[in-house]
Structures are given as C-alpha cells and as structure tokens.
Amino acid sequence: MAPAPEENPAPPEPGPCTPEALERAFLERGHPLVLGFDEHGGFYAQAGGLLEWDPEGAAPAALRLAARLGVELPRAGEGGAR
C-alpha cells in the first residue's frame, strides 16, 4: 500500500512589503502596480500579490517606491493611481 499523500503545507507568511519587493513585482514580473487611498483615507500599494496598507495613510514602502518611479499619487478621497 502506498503511503498517504502529505497534506499541503500552509503557505508561508508574507515577508515585509518593501519598496524593492513591490518594484520587482512591477518592473521585473510585469504585475500591475496599484497605488491609492481607500475610502477611509488609508494608503495602499499592491503588485503581484504583495499588499502594503496603512490605515493612517502613510505606507512608507509604497511612498518611497512611487517617488523612485516618479508616480504622482492621488490625494485622499481621489481613488487610486495605476
């Protein structure tokens, strides 16, 4: 009798969302980069499954990445930038 198949291990916890990780997902892997504010003024950045969200609206990794890429960010309440 064959041994029972092992259960799939849980996916690893995501590492810290750094500007470099967001930039790699965007530039090297071609994932869309979405930066913006949610309806409560919290700032978010998303690229290739990475998500940085700060309810206070000051997500540092995404802000540094946006500055490095020359992306103009919307003001709170204006939605997101792509």
Protein backbone atom coordinates (compact mmCIF):
# COMPACT_ATOMS: atom_id res chain seq x y z
CA MET A 1 0.00 0.00 0.00
CA ALA A 2 1.23 3.45 -0.88
CA PRO A 3 1.69 5.92 1.94
CA ALA A 4 -0.98 8.58 2.31
CA PRO A 5 -0.12 11.77 0.44
CA GLU A 6 1.15 14.51 2.67
CA GLU A 7 -1.14 17.44 3.22
CA ASN A 8 -0.17 20.64 1.51
CA PRO A 9 1.69 22.81 3.97
CA ALA A 10 0.24 26.22 4.74
CA PRO A 11 1.66 28.95 2.51
CA PRO A 12 4.45 30.90 4.16
CA GLU A 13 3.59 34.13 5.85
CA PRO A 14 4.30 37.05 3.54
CA GLY A 15 7.52 38.86 4.24
CA PRO A 16 7.68 42.56 4.82
CA CYS A 17 6.43 44.58 1.90
CA THR A 18 9.47 46.57 0.88
CA PRO A 19 9.88 49.08 -1.93
CA GLU A 20 12.25 46.60 -3.58
CA ALA A 21 9.71 43.75 -3.48
CA LEU A 22 6.98 45.97 -4.92
CA GLU A 23 9.36 47.25 -7.59
CA ARG A 24 10.43 43.71 -8.60
CA ALA A 25 6.80 42.61 -8.89
CA PHE A 26 6.06 45.64 -11.06
CA LEU A 27 9.17 46.05 -13.21
CA GLU A 28 10.61 42.53 -13.44
CA ARG A 29 7.48 40.40 -13.35
CA GLY A 30 5.13 42.79 -15.14
CA HIS A 31 2.43 42.79 -12.46
CA PRO A 32 0.25 45.91 -12.41
CA LEU A 33 1.12 48.35 -9.66
CA VAL A 34 -1.83 49.98 -7.94
CA LEU A 35 -1.28 52.84 -5.51
CA GLY A 36 -4.01 54.85 -3.89
CA PHE A 37 -6.22 55.63 -0.96
CA ASP A 38 -9.17 53.64 0.29
CA GLU A 39 -12.49 55.22 1.20
CA HIS A 40 -11.25 55.92 4.74
CA GLY A 41 -8.03 57.68 3.73
CA GLY A 42 -5.78 54.65 4.28
CA PHE A 43 -2.98 54.31 1.73
CA TYR A 44 -2.37 51.09 -0.17
CA ALA A 45 0.01 49.64 -2.72
CA GLN A 46 -0.49 46.34 -4.48
CA ALA A 47 1.63 44.48 -7.04
CA GLY A 48 1.80 40.77 -7.81
CA GLY A 49 0.13 39.59 -4.63
CA LEU A 50 2.09 41.96 -2.40
CA LEU A 51 -0.01 44.41 -0.49
CA GLU A 52 1.01 47.24 1.74
CA TRP A 53 -1.80 49.03 3.51
CA ASP A 54 -1.63 51.67 6.19
CA PRO A 55 -4.89 52.90 7.72
CA GLU A 56 -3.12 56.14 8.70
CA GLY A 57 -2.35 56.89 5.04
CA ALA A 58 1.45 56.80 5.29
CA ALA A 59 2.54 53.44 3.80
CA PRO A 60 6.29 54.10 3.69
CA ALA A 61 7.38 51.37 1.27
CA ALA A 62 4.81 52.36 -1.33
CA LEU A 63 5.52 56.07 -0.95
CA ARG A 64 9.26 55.52 -1.45
CA LEU A 65 8.58 53.34 -4.49
CA ALA A 66 6.19 55.89 -6.00
CA ALA A 67 8.79 58.63 -5.54
CA ARG A 68 11.51 56.48 -7.12
CA LEU A 69 9.29 55.63 -10.11
CA GLY A 70 8.08 59.22 -10.49
CA VAL A 71 4.43 58.24 -9.97
CA GLU A 72 2.11 61.05 -9.00
CA LEU A 73 -0.16 59.84 -6.23
CA PRO A 74 -3.76 60.89 -5.82
CA ARG A 75 -4.88 62.79 -2.77
CA ALA A 76 -7.02 61.04 -0.19
CA GLY A 77 -10.54 60.61 -1.50
CA GLU A 78 -9.50 60.67 -5.17
CA GLY A 79 -9.12 56.91 -5.61
CA GLY A 80 -6.06 55.09 -6.90
CA ALA A 81 -3.32 55.64 -9.44
CA ARG A 82 -2.10 52.95 -11.82
